[in-house]
Amino acid sequence: VEEDAFWPIVRTALDCGGRLADRALADHVENRRLMRAVEDSEA
């Protein structure tokens, strides 16, 4: 939801929106990597 709708609004609504959105999207990439690590390991 954030990638489809929220961060595009941030990009256009704020002067520093591109920087903020880029940081958030980099966080998302790292978080997906960590999510895969959880999925791939045994509880």
PDB file of all heavy atoms in Angstrom:
ATOM      1  N   VAL A   1       0.840  -1.204   0.000  1.00  0.00           N
ATOM      2  CA  VAL A   1       0.000   0.000   0.000  1.00  0.00           C
ATOM      3  C   VAL A   1       0.871   1.249   0.000  1.00  0.00           C
ATOM      4  O   VAL A   1       0.630   2.192  -0.762  1.00  0.00           O
ATOM      5  CB  VAL A   1      -0.962  -0.002   1.207  1.00  0.00           C
ATOM      6  CG1 VAL A   1      -1.627   1.352   1.389  1.00  0.00           C
ATOM      7  CG2 VAL A   1      -1.997  -1.088   1.037  1.00  0.00           C
ATOM      8  N   GLU A   2       1.892   1.246   0.841  1.00  0.00           N
ATOM      9  CA  GLU A   2       2.761   2.418   0.879  1.00  0.00           C
ATOM     10  C   GLU A   2       3.444   2.647  -0.468  1.00  0.00           C
ATOM     11  O   GLU A   2       3.520   3.780  -0.938  1.00  0.00           O
ATOM     12  CB  GLU A   2       3.820   2.257   1.976  1.00  0.00           C
ATOM     13  CG  GLU A   2       3.285   2.481   3.357  1.00  0.00           C
ATOM     14  CD  GLU A   2       4.374   2.509   4.403  1.00  0.00           C
ATOM     15  OE1 GLU A   2       5.524   2.080   4.135  1.00  0.00           O
ATOM     16  OE2 GLU A   2       4.077   2.971   5.508  1.00  0.00           O
ATOM     17  N   GLU A   3       3.948   1.577  -1.068  1.00  0.00           N
ATOM     18  CA  GLU A   3       4.666   1.726  -2.333  1.00  0.00           C
ATOM     19  C   GLU A   3       3.738   2.152  -3.467  1.00  0.00           C
ATOM     20  O   GLU A   3       4.130   2.941  -4.327  1.00  0.00           O
ATOM     21  CB  GLU A   3       5.379   0.421  -2.680  1.00  0.00           C
ATOM     22  CG  GLU A   3       6.548   0.149  -1.746  1.00  0.00           C
ATOM     23  CD  GLU A   3       7.134  -1.235  -1.885  1.00  0.00           C
ATOM     24  OE1 GLU A   3       6.718  -2.002  -2.783  1.00  0.00           O
ATOM     25  OE2 GLU A   3       8.025  -1.562  -1.067  1.00  0.00           O
ATOM     26  N   ASP A   4       2.513   1.650  -3.455  1.00  0.00           N
ATOM     27  CA  ASP A   4       1.557   1.992  -4.516  1.00  0.00           C
ATOM     28  C   ASP A   4       0.948   3.374  -4.355  1.00  0.00           C
ATOM     29  O   ASP A   4       0.672   4.042  -5.345  1.00  0.00           O
ATOM     30  CB  ASP A   4       0.414   0.977  -4.559  1.00  0.00           C
ATOM     31  CG  ASP A   4       0.839  -0.384  -5.050  1.00  0.00           C
ATOM     32  OD1 ASP A   4       1.957  -0.509  -5.589  1.00  0.00           O
ATOM     33  OD2 ASP A   4       0.051  -1.334  -4.877  1.00  0.00           O
ATOM     34  N   ALA A   5       0.718   3.783  -3.105  1.00  0.00           N
ATOM     35  CA  ALA A   5      -0.083   4.979  -2.913  1.00  0.00           C
ATOM     36  C   ALA A   5       0.537   6.034  -1.998  1.00  0.00           C
ATOM     37  O   ALA A   5       0.438   7.221  -2.286  1.00  0.00           O
ATOM     38  CB  ALA A   5      -1.458   4.574  -2.363  1.00  0.00           C
ATOM     39  N   PHE A   6       1.141   5.636  -0.895  1.00  0.00           N
ATOM     40  CA  PHE A   6       1.604   6.616   0.084  1.00  0.00           C
ATOM     41  C   PHE A   6       2.870   7.329  -0.353  1.00  0.00           C
ATOM     42  O   PHE A   6       2.932   8.558  -0.357  1.00  0.00           O
ATOM     43  CB  PHE A   6       1.817   5.939   1.449  1.00  0.00           C
ATOM     44  CG  PHE A   6       2.292   6.874   2.514  1.00  0.00           C
ATOM     45  CD1 PHE A   6       1.454   7.853   3.017  1.00  0.00           C
ATOM     46  CD2 PHE A   6       3.582   6.793   3.010  1.00  0.00           C
ATOM     47  CE1 PHE A   6       1.886   8.722   4.006  1.00  0.00           C
ATOM     48  CE2 PHE A   6       4.022   7.650   4.005  1.00  0.00           C
ATOM     49  CZ  PHE A   6       3.165   8.617   4.500  1.00  0.00           C
ATOM     50  N   TRP A   7       3.901   6.575  -0.725  1.00  0.00           N
ATOM     51  CA  TRP A   7       5.174   7.222  -1.060  1.00  0.00           C
ATOM     52  C   TRP A   7       5.094   8.087  -2.310  1.00  0.00           C
ATOM     53  O   TRP A   7       5.745   9.132  -2.376  1.00  0.00           O
ATOM     54  CB  TRP A   7       6.315   6.199  -1.104  1.00  0.00           C
ATOM     55  CG  TRP A   7       6.548   5.672   0.294  1.00  0.00           C
ATOM     56  CD1 TRP A   7       6.320   4.399   0.752  1.00  0.00           C
ATOM     57  CD2 TRP A   7       6.985   6.414   1.434  1.00  0.00           C
ATOM     58  NE1 TRP A   7       6.589   4.323   2.098  1.00  0.00           N
ATOM     59  CE2 TRP A   7       7.004   5.546   2.542  1.00  0.00           C
ATOM     60  CE3 TRP A   7       7.355   7.740   1.632  1.00  0.00           C
ATOM     61  CZ2 TRP A   7       7.390   5.940   3.821  1.00  0.00           C
ATOM     62  CZ3 TRP A   7       7.740   8.140   2.908  1.00  0.00           C
ATOM     63  CH2 TRP A   7       7.757   7.249   3.978  1.00  0.00           C
ATOM     64  N   PRO A   8       4.277   7.737  -3.306  1.00  0.00           N
ATOM     65  CA  PRO A   8       4.116   8.685  -4.421  1.00  0.00           C
ATOM     66  C   PRO A   8       3.538  10.036  -3.970  1.00  0.00           C
ATOM     67  O   PRO A   8       3.928  11.081  -4.496  1.00  0.00           O
ATOM     68  CB  PRO A   8       3.164   7.958  -5.377  1.00  0.00           C
ATOM     69  CG  PRO A   8       3.450   6.507  -5.127  1.00  0.00           C
ATOM     70  CD  PRO A   8       3.680   6.425  -3.626  1.00  0.00           C
ATOM     71  N   ILE A   9       2.635  10.010  -2.992  1.00  0.00           N
ATOM     72  CA  ILE A   9       2.094  11.269  -2.468  1.00  0.00           C
ATOM     73  C   ILE A   9       3.195  12.046  -1.759  1.00  0.00           C
ATOM     74  O   ILE A   9       3.334  13.258  -1.932  1.00  0.00           O
ATOM     75  CB  ILE A   9       0.903  11.002  -1.528  1.00  0.00           C
ATOM     76  CG1 ILE A   9      -0.291  10.505  -2.335  1.00  0.00           C
ATOM     77  CG2 ILE A   9       0.542  12.255  -0.731  1.00  0.00           C
ATOM     78  CD1 ILE A   9      -1.443  10.021  -1.492  1.00  0.00           C
ATOM     79  N   VAL A  10       3.992  11.344  -0.956  1.00  0.00           N
ATOM     80  CA  VAL A  10       5.090  12.006  -0.246  1.00  0.00           C
ATOM     81  C   VAL A  10       6.036  12.663  -1.244  1.00  0.00           C
ATOM     82  O   VAL A  10       6.469  13.800  -1.057  1.00  0.00           O
ATOM     83  CB  VAL A  10       5.842  11.006   0.666  1.00  0.00           C
ATOM     84  CG1 VAL A  10       7.122  11.609   1.228  1.00  0.00           C
ATOM     85  CG2 VAL A  10       4.927  10.530   1.793  1.00  0.00           C
ATOM     86  N   ARG A  11       6.361  11.945  -2.317  1.00  0.00           N
ATOM     87  CA  ARG A  11       7.280  12.483  -3.339  1.00  0.00           C
ATOM     88  C   ARG A  11       6.803  13.814  -3.900  1.00  0.00           C
ATOM     89  O   ARG A  11       7.595  14.724  -4.115  1.00  0.00           O
ATOM     90  CB  ARG A  11       7.437  11.495  -4.496  1.00  0.00           C
ATOM     91  CG  ARG A  11       8.404  10.407  -4.241  1.00  0.00           C
ATOM     92  CD  ARG A  11       8.647   9.603  -5.535  1.00  0.00           C
ATOM     93  NE  ARG A  11       9.349   8.396  -5.222  1.00  0.00           N
ATOM     94  CZ  ARG A  11      10.649   8.315  -4.960  1.00  0.00           C
ATOM     95  NH1 ARG A  11      11.376   9.415  -4.988  1.00  0.00           N
ATOM     96  NH2 ARG A  11      11.218   7.170  -4.676  1.00  0.00           N
ATOM     97  N   THR A  12       5.512  13.903  -4.165  1.00  0.00           N
ATOM     98  CA  THR A  12       4.991  15.114  -4.813  1.00  0.00           C
ATOM     99  C   THR A  12       4.580  16.195  -3.825  1.00  0.00           C
ATOM    100  O   THR A  12       4.601  17.375  -4.166  1.00  0.00           O
ATOM    101  CB  THR A  12       3.797  14.789  -5.725  1.00  0.00           C
ATOM    102  OG1 THR A  12       2.760  14.198  -4.947  1.00  0.00           O
ATOM    103  CG2 THR A  12       4.206  13.836  -6.844  1.00  0.00           C
ATOM    104  N   ALA A  13       4.215  15.824  -2.608  1.00  0.00           N
ATOM    105  CA  ALA A  13       3.688  16.800  -1.657  1.00  0.00           C
ATOM    106  C   ALA A  13       4.774  17.548  -0.884  1.00  0.00           C
ATOM    107  O   ALA A  13       4.528  18.650  -0.408  1.00  0.00           O
ATOM    108  CB  ALA A  13       2.755  16.106  -0.669  1.00  0.00           C
ATOM    109  N   LEU A  14       5.951  16.954  -0.760  1.00  0.00           N
ATOM    110  CA  LEU A  14       6.996  17.560   0.057  1.00  0.00           C
ATOM    111  C   LEU A  14       8.224  17.878  -0.776  1.00  0.00           C
ATOM    112  O   LEU A  14       8.587  17.108  -1.662  1.00  0.00           O
ATOM    113  CB  LEU A  14       7.407  16.606   1.190  1.00  0.00           C
ATOM    114  CG  LEU A  14       6.310  16.172   2.153  1.00  0.00           C
ATOM    115  CD1 LEU A  14       6.836  15.121   3.118  1.00  0.00           C
ATOM    116  CD2 LEU A  14       5.765  17.384   2.901  1.00  0.00           C
ATOM    117  N   ASP A  15       8.862  18.986  -0.472  1.00  0.00           N
ATOM    118  CA  ASP A  15      10.096  19.345  -1.182  1.00  0.00           C
ATOM    119  C   ASP A  15      11.158  18.253  -1.030  1.00  0.00           C
ATOM    120  O   ASP A  15      11.898  17.968  -1.960  1.00  0.00           O
ATOM    121  CB  ASP A  15      10.650  20.676  -0.679  1.00  0.00           C
ATOM    122  CG  ASP A  15       9.774  21.852  -1.074  1.00  0.00           C
ATOM    123  OD1 ASP A  15       9.008  21.719  -2.059  1.00  0.00           O
ATOM    124  OD2 ASP A  15       9.851  22.894  -0.405  1.00  0.00           O
ATOM    125  N   CYS A  16      11.233  17.661   0.151  1.00  0.00           N
ATOM    126  CA  CYS A  16      12.213  16.598   0.403  1.00  0.00           C
ATOM    127  C   CYS A  16      11.585  15.219   0.236  1.00  0.00           C
ATOM    128  O   CYS A  16      12.152  14.202   0.675  1.00  0.00           O
ATOM    129  CB  CYS A  16      12.802  16.742   1.798  1.00  0.00           C
ATOM    130  SG  CYS A  16      11.559  16.600   3.106  1.00  0.00           S
ATOM    131  N   GLY A  17      10.428  15.165  -0.404  1.00  0.00           N
ATOM    132  CA  GLY A  17       9.686  13.911  -0.532  1.00  0.00           C
ATOM    133  C   GLY A  17      10.441  12.809  -1.250  1.00  0.00           C
ATOM    134  O   GLY A  17      10.323  11.633  -0.881  1.00  0.00           O
ATOM    135  N   GLY A  18      11.214  13.169  -2.261  1.00  0.00           N
ATOM    136  CA  GLY A  18      11.985  12.154  -2.978  1.00  0.00           C
ATOM    137  C   GLY A  18      12.993  11.478  -2.071  1.00  0.00           C
ATOM    138  O   GLY A  18      13.130  10.244  -2.081  1.00  0.00           O
ATOM    139  N   ARG A  19      13.680  12.268  -1.270  1.00  0.00           N
ATOM    140  CA  ARG A  19      14.668  11.710  -0.334  1.00  0.00           C
ATOM    141  C   ARG A  19      13.994  10.814   0.690  1.00  0.00           C
ATOM    142  O   ARG A  19      14.463   9.706   0.986  1.00  0.00           O
ATOM    143  CB  ARG A  19      15.420  12.843   0.363  1.00  0.00           C
ATOM    144  CG  ARG A  19      16.470  12.354   1.363  1.00  0.00           C
ATOM    145  CD  ARG A  19      17.138  13.502   2.106  1.00  0.00           C
ATOM    146  NE  ARG A  19      16.215  14.394   2.788  1.00  0.00           N
ATOM    147  CZ  ARG A  19      15.646  14.130   3.977  1.00  0.00           C
ATOM    148  NH1 ARG A  19      15.901  13.011   4.590  1.00  0.00           N
ATOM    149  NH2 ARG A  19      14.841  15.012   4.525  1.00  0.00           N
ATOM    150  N   LEU A  20      12.870  11.270   1.245  1.00  0.00           N
ATOM    151  CA  LEU A  20      12.151  10.479   2.241  1.00  0.00           C
ATOM    152  C   LEU A  20      11.631   9.171   1.642  1.00  0.00           C
ATOM    153  O   LEU A  20      11.760   8.103   2.252  1.00  0.00           O
ATOM    154  CB  LEU A  20      10.993  11.292   2.829  1.00  0.00           C
ATOM    155  CG  LEU A  20      11.366  12.529   3.632  1.00  0.00           C
ATOM    156  CD1 LEU A  20      10.115  13.341   3.973  1.00  0.00           C
ATOM    157  CD2 LEU A  20      12.140  12.160   4.885  1.00  0.00           C
ATOM    158  N   ALA A  21      11.047   9.257   0.461  1.00  0.00           N
ATOM    159  CA  ALA A  21      10.515   8.060  -0.190  1.00  0.00           C
ATOM    160  C   ALA A  21      11.640   7.087  -0.549  1.00  0.00           C
ATOM    161  O   ALA A  21      11.489   5.870  -0.372  1.00  0.00           O
ATOM    162  CB  ALA A  21       9.712   8.438  -1.430  1.00  0.00           C
ATOM    163  N   ASP A  22      12.761   7.612  -1.035  1.00  0.00           N
ATOM    164  CA  ASP A  22      13.890   6.735  -1.376  1.00  0.00           C
ATOM    165  C   ASP A  22      14.389   5.983  -0.145  1.00  0.00           C
ATOM    166  O   ASP A  22      14.684   4.787  -0.220  1.00  0.00           O
ATOM    167  CB  ASP A  22      15.032   7.529  -2.007  1.00  0.00           C
ATOM    168  CG  ASP A  22      14.704   8.015  -3.408  1.00  0.00           C
ATOM    169  OD1 ASP A  22      13.719   7.529  -4.006  1.00  0.00           O
ATOM    170  OD2 ASP A  22      15.442   8.910  -3.896  1.00  0.00           O
ATOM    171  N   ARG A  23      14.470   6.680   0.977  1.00  0.00           N
ATOM    172  CA  ARG A  23      14.912   6.004   2.206  1.00  0.00           C
ATOM    173  C   ARG A  23      13.919   4.920   2.606  1.00  0.00           C
ATOM    174  O   ARG A  23      14.293   3.805   2.959  1.00  0.00           O
ATOM    175  CB  ARG A  23      15.076   6.999   3.350  1.00  0.00           C
ATOM    176  CG  ARG A  23      15.413   6.258   4.630  1.00  0.00           C
ATOM    177  CD  ARG A  23      15.543   7.081   5.837  1.00  0.00           C
ATOM    178  NE  ARG A  23      15.526   6.194   7.005  1.00  0.00           N
ATOM    179  CZ  ARG A  23      15.470   6.623   8.225  1.00  0.00           C
ATOM    180  NH1 ARG A  23      15.470   7.911   8.479  1.00  0.00           N
ATOM    181  NH2 ARG A  23      15.436   5.766   9.221  1.00  0.00           N
ATOM    182  N   ALA A  24      12.636   5.250   2.548  1.00  0.00           N
ATOM    183  CA  ALA A  24      11.605   4.290   2.935  1.00  0.00           C
ATOM    184  C   ALA A  24      11.632   3.064   2.026  1.00  0.00           C
ATOM    185  O   ALA A  24      11.514   1.927   2.500  1.00  0.00           O
ATOM    186  CB  ALA A  24      10.230   4.943   2.889  1.00  0.00           C
ATOM    187  N   LEU A  25      11.797   3.284   0.734  1.00  0.00           N
ATOM    188  CA  LEU A  25      11.815   2.156  -0.201  1.00  0.00           C
ATOM    189  C   LEU A  25      13.066   1.297  -0.003  1.00  0.00           C
ATOM    190  O   LEU A  25      12.999   0.071  -0.149  1.00  0.00           O
ATOM    191  CB  LEU A  25      11.687   2.655  -1.635  1.00  0.00           C
ATOM    192  CG  LEU A  25      10.341   3.363  -1.913  1.00  0.00           C
ATOM    193  CD1 LEU A  25      10.320   3.930  -3.321  1.00  0.00           C
ATOM    194  CD2 LEU A  25       9.170   2.430  -1.671  1.00  0.00           C
ATOM    195  N   ALA A  26      14.172   1.914   0.363  1.00  0.00           N
ATOM    196  CA  ALA A  26      15.372   1.135   0.700  1.00  0.00           C
ATOM    197  C   ALA A  26      15.109   0.308   1.963  1.00  0.00           C
ATOM    198  O   ALA A  26      15.529  -0.858   2.042  1.00  0.00           O
ATOM    199  CB  ALA A  26      16.572   2.057   0.890  1.00  0.00           C
ATOM    200  N   ASP A  27      14.414   0.891   2.933  1.00  0.00           N
ATOM    201  CA  ASP A  27      14.017   0.134   4.127  1.00  0.00           C
ATOM    202  C   ASP A  27      13.159  -1.062   3.725  1.00  0.00           C
ATOM    203  O   ASP A  27      13.329  -2.162   4.257  1.00  0.00           O
ATOM    204  CB  ASP A  27      13.198   1.003   5.089  1.00  0.00           C
ATOM    205  CG  ASP A  27      14.008   2.033   5.847  1.00  0.00           C
ATOM    206  OD1 ASP A  27      15.254   2.020   5.754  1.00  0.00           O
ATOM    207  OD2 ASP A  27      13.380   2.869   6.539  1.00  0.00           O
ATOM    208  N   HIS A  28      12.233  -0.857   2.809  1.00  0.00           N
ATOM    209  CA  HIS A  28      11.348  -1.940   2.381  1.00  0.00           C
ATOM    210  C   HIS A  28      12.148  -3.087   1.767  1.00  0.00           C
ATOM    211  O   HIS A  28      11.844  -4.254   2.013  1.00  0.00           O
ATOM    212  CB  HIS A  28      10.318  -1.428   1.374  1.00  0.00           C
ATOM    213  CG  HIS A  28       9.233  -0.621   1.996  1.00  0.00           C
ATOM    214  ND1 HIS A  28       8.089  -0.288   1.317  1.00  0.00           N
ATOM    215  CD2 HIS A  28       9.105  -0.066   3.235  1.00  0.00           C
ATOM    216  CE1 HIS A  28       7.296   0.427   2.100  1.00  0.00           C
ATOM    217  NE2 HIS A  28       7.902   0.584   3.274  1.00  0.00           N
ATOM    218  N   VAL A  29      13.154  -2.756   0.971  1.00  0.00           N
ATOM    219  CA  VAL A  29      13.988  -3.803   0.360  1.00  0.00           C
ATOM    220  C   VAL A  29      14.669  -4.621   1.455  1.00  0.00           C
ATOM    221  O   VAL A  29      14.662  -5.856   1.428  1.00  0.00           O
ATOM    222  CB  VAL A  29      15.025  -3.188  -0.613  1.00  0.00           C
ATOM    223  CG1 VAL A  29      16.059  -4.213  -1.039  1.00  0.00           C
ATOM    224  CG2 VAL A  29      14.321  -2.596  -1.824  1.00  0.00           C
ATOM    225  N   GLU A  30      15.260  -3.942   2.424  1.00  0.00           N
ATOM    226  CA  GLU A  30      15.925  -4.637   3.526  1.00  0.00           C
ATOM    227  C   GLU A  30      14.924  -5.433   4.355  1.00  0.00           C
ATOM    228  O   GLU A  30      15.194  -6.578   4.752  1.00  0.00           O
ATOM    229  CB  GLU A  30      16.685  -3.642   4.408  1.00  0.00           C
ATOM    230  CG  GLU A  30      17.317  -4.267   5.632  1.00  0.00           C
ATOM    231  CD  GLU A  30      18.358  -5.337   5.346  1.00  0.00           C
ATOM    232  OE1 GLU A  30      18.789  -5.524   4.194  1.00  0.00           O
ATOM    233  OE2 GLU A  30      18.767  -6.012   6.315  1.00  0.00           O
ATOM    234  N   ASN A  31      13.768  -4.867   4.607  1.00  0.00           N
ATOM    235  CA  ASN A  31      12.761  -5.574   5.393  1.00  0.00           C
ATOM    236  C   ASN A  31      12.258  -6.823   4.670  1.00  0.00           C
ATOM    237  O   ASN A  31      12.007  -7.850   5.312  1.00  0.00           O
ATOM    238  CB  ASN A  31      11.614  -4.637   5.756  1.00  0.00           C
ATOM    239  CG  ASN A  31      12.043  -3.556   6.720  1.00  0.00           C
ATOM    240  OD1 ASN A  31      13.111  -3.640   7.336  1.00  0.00           O
ATOM    241  ND2 ASN A  31      11.241  -2.520   6.850  1.00  0.00           N
ATOM    242  N   ARG A  32      12.128  -6.753   3.356  1.00  0.00           N
ATOM    243  CA  ARG A  32      11.733  -7.950   2.602  1.00  0.00           C
ATOM    244  C   ARG A  32      12.804  -9.038   2.706  1.00  0.00           C
ATOM    245  O   ARG A  32      12.485 -10.220   2.814  1.00  0.00           O
ATOM    246  CB  ARG A  32      11.446  -7.604   1.142  1.00  0.00           C
ATOM    247  CG  ARG A  32      10.037  -7.061   0.939  1.00  0.00           C
ATOM    248  CD  ARG A  32       9.639  -7.025  -0.526  1.00  0.00           C
ATOM    249  NE  ARG A  32      10.318  -5.998  -1.271  1.00  0.00           N
ATOM    250  CZ  ARG A  32       9.955  -4.724  -1.322  1.00  0.00           C
ATOM    251  NH1 ARG A  32       8.902  -4.319  -0.666  1.00  0.00           N
ATOM    252  NH2 ARG A  32      10.631  -3.858  -2.038  1.00  0.00           N
ATOM    253  N   ARG A  33      14.065  -8.641   2.710  1.00  0.00           N
ATOM    254  CA  ARG A  33      15.147  -9.615   2.871  1.00  0.00           C
ATOM    255  C   ARG A  33      15.040 -10.291   4.234  1.00  0.00           C
ATOM    256  O   ARG A  33      15.147 -11.515   4.345  1.00  0.00           O
ATOM    257  CB  ARG A  33      16.510  -8.930   2.728  1.00  0.00           C
ATOM    258  CG  ARG A  33      17.690  -9.895   2.782  1.00  0.00           C
ATOM    259  CD  ARG A  33      19.024  -9.170   2.868  1.00  0.00           C
ATOM    260  NE  ARG A  33      19.232  -8.498   4.135  1.00  0.00           N
ATOM    261  CZ  ARG A  33      19.540  -9.113   5.286  1.00  0.00           C
ATOM    262  NH1 ARG A  33      19.662 -10.413   5.329  1.00  0.00           N
ATOM    263  NH2 ARG A  33      19.725  -8.409   6.390  1.00  0.00           N
ATOM    264  N   LEU A  34      14.791  -9.496   5.259  1.00  0.00           N
ATOM    265  CA  LEU A  34      14.634 -10.047   6.605  1.00  0.00           C
ATOM    266  C   LEU A  34      13.385 -10.917   6.716  1.00  0.00           C
ATOM    267  O   LEU A  34      13.394 -11.947   7.404  1.00  0.00           O
ATOM    268  CB  LEU A  34      14.604  -8.917   7.638  1.00  0.00           C
ATOM    269  CG  LEU A  34      15.907  -8.124   7.775  1.00  0.00           C
ATOM    270  CD1 LEU A  34      15.683  -6.868   8.609  1.00  0.00           C
ATOM    271  CD2 LEU A  34      17.014  -8.994   8.345  1.00  0.00           C
ATOM    272  N   MET A  35      12.323 -10.522   6.046  1.00  0.00           N
ATOM    273  CA  MET A  35      11.103 -11.326   6.047  1.00  0.00           C
ATOM    274  C   MET A  35      11.361 -12.690   5.412  1.00  0.00           C
ATOM    275  O   MET A  35      10.883 -13.718   5.915  1.00  0.00           O
ATOM    276  CB  MET A  35       9.973 -10.573   5.322  1.00  0.00           C
ATOM    277  CG  MET A  35       9.486  -9.360   6.103  1.00  0.00           C
ATOM    278  SD  MET A  35       8.469  -8.213   5.135  1.00  0.00           S
ATOM    279  CE  MET A  35       7.051  -9.222   4.761  1.00  0.00           C
ATOM    280  N   ARG A  36      12.119 -12.706   4.322  1.00  0.00           N
ATOM    281  CA  ARG A  36      12.467 -13.986   3.683  1.00  0.00           C
ATOM    282  C   ARG A  36      13.298 -14.853   4.618  1.00  0.00           C
ATOM    283  O   ARG A  36      13.129 -16.071   4.662  1.00  0.00           O
ATOM    284  CB  ARG A  36      13.207 -13.761   2.366  1.00  0.00           C
ATOM    285  CG  ARG A  36      12.281 -13.448   1.203  1.00  0.00           C
ATOM    286  CD  ARG A  36      12.998 -13.488  -0.139  1.00  0.00           C
ATOM    287  NE  ARG A  36      14.148 -12.603  -0.226  1.00  0.00           N
ATOM    288  CZ  ARG A  36      14.102 -11.294  -0.457  1.00  0.00           C
ATOM    289  NH1 ARG A  36      12.936 -10.708  -0.659  1.00  0.00           N
ATOM    290  NH2 ARG A  36      15.195 -10.574  -0.530  1.00  0.00           N
ATOM    291  N   ALA A  37      14.188 -14.223   5.378  1.00  0.00           N
ATOM    292  CA  ALA A  37      15.008 -14.985   6.331  1.00  0.00           C
ATOM    293  C   ALA A  37      14.125 -15.638   7.396  1.00  0.00           C
ATOM    294  O   ALA A  37      14.369 -16.785   7.788  1.00  0.00           O
ATOM    295  CB  ALA A  37      16.062 -14.078   6.971  1.00  0.00           C
ATOM    296  N   VAL A  38      13.102 -14.929   7.845  1.00  0.00           N
ATOM    297  CA  VAL A  38      12.164 -15.515   8.808  1.00  0.00           C
ATOM    298  C   VAL A  38      11.422 -16.675   8.144  1.00  0.00           C
ATOM    299  O   VAL A  38      11.317 -17.767   8.709  1.00  0.00           O
ATOM    300  CB  VAL A  38      11.178 -14.456   9.348  1.00  0.00           C
ATOM    301  CG1 VAL A  38      10.059 -15.104  10.162  1.00  0.00           C
ATOM    302  CG2 VAL A  38      11.912 -13.401  10.169  1.00  0.00           C
ATOM    303  N   GLU A  39      10.914 -16.448   6.943  1.00  0.00           N
ATOM    304  CA  GLU A  39      10.162 -17.483   6.227  1.00  0.00           C
ATOM    305  C   GLU A  39      11.000 -18.731   5.971  1.00  0.00           C
ATOM    306  O   GLU A  39      10.483 -19.852   6.017  1.00  0.00           O
ATOM    307  CB  GLU A  39       9.669 -16.952   4.878  1.00  0.00           C
ATOM    308  CG  GLU A  39       8.578 -15.925   4.971  1.00  0.00           C
ATOM    309  CD  GLU A  39       8.246 -15.327   3.617  1.00  0.00           C
ATOM    310  OE1 GLU A  39       9.091 -15.358   2.699  1.00  0.00           O
ATOM    311  OE2 GLU A  39       7.124 -14.821   3.476  1.00  0.00           O
ATOM    312  N   ASP A  40      12.283 -18.535   5.682  1.00  0.00           N
ATOM    313  CA  ASP A  40      13.149 -19.643   5.286  1.00  0.00           C
ATOM    314  C   ASP A  40      13.747 -20.407   6.456  1.00  0.00           C
ATOM    315  O   ASP A  40      14.453 -21.396   6.240  1.00  0.00           O
ATOM    316  CB  ASP A  40      14.288 -19.132   4.388  1.00  0.00           C
ATOM    317  CG  ASP A  40      13.789 -18.633   3.045  1.00  0.00           C
ATOM    318  OD1 ASP A  40      12.627 -18.929   2.687  1.00  0.00           O
ATOM    319  OD2 ASP A  40      14.560 -17.922   2.373  1.00  0.00           O
ATOM    320  N   SER A  41      13.485 -19.973   7.669  1.00  0.00           N
ATOM    321  CA  SER A  41      14.055 -20.666   8.819  1.00  0.00           C
ATOM    322  C   SER A  41      12.951 -21.396   9.587  1.00  0.00           C
ATOM    323  O   SER A  41      11.770 -21.071   9.483  1.00  0.00           O
ATOM    324  CB  SER A  41      14.813 -19.688   9.712  1.00  0.00           C
ATOM    325  OG  SER A  41      13.982 -18.624  10.114  1.00  0.00           O
ATOM    326  N   GLU A  42      13.358 -22.356  10.353  1.00  0.00           N
ATOM    327  CA  GLU A  42      12.411 -23.178  11.099  1.00  0.00           C
ATOM    328  C   GLU A  42      12.071 -22.513  12.431  1.00  0.00           C
ATOM    329  O   GLU A  42      12.972 -22.132  13.193  1.00  0.00           O
ATOM    330  CB  GLU A  42      13.023 -24.557  11.355  1.00  0.00           C
ATOM    331  CG  GLU A  42      12.079 -25.514  12.025  1.00  0.00           C
ATOM    332  CD  GLU A  42      12.687 -26.887  12.193  1.00  0.00           C
ATOM    333  OE1 GLU A  42      13.581 -27.256  11.403  1.00  0.00           O
ATOM    334  OE2 GLU A  42      12.270 -27.586  13.121  1.00  0.00           O
ATOM    335  N   ALA A  43      10.782 -22.385  12.696  1.00  0.00           N
ATOM    336  CA  ALA A  43      10.349 -21.794  13.968  1.00  0.00           C
ATOM    337  C   ALA A  43      10.988 -22.554  15.117  1.00  0.00           C
ATOM    338  O   ALA A  43      11.065 -23.780  15.103  1.00  0.00           O
ATOM    339  CB  ALA A  43       8.831 -21.832  14.080  1.00  0.00           C
TER     340      ALA A  43
END
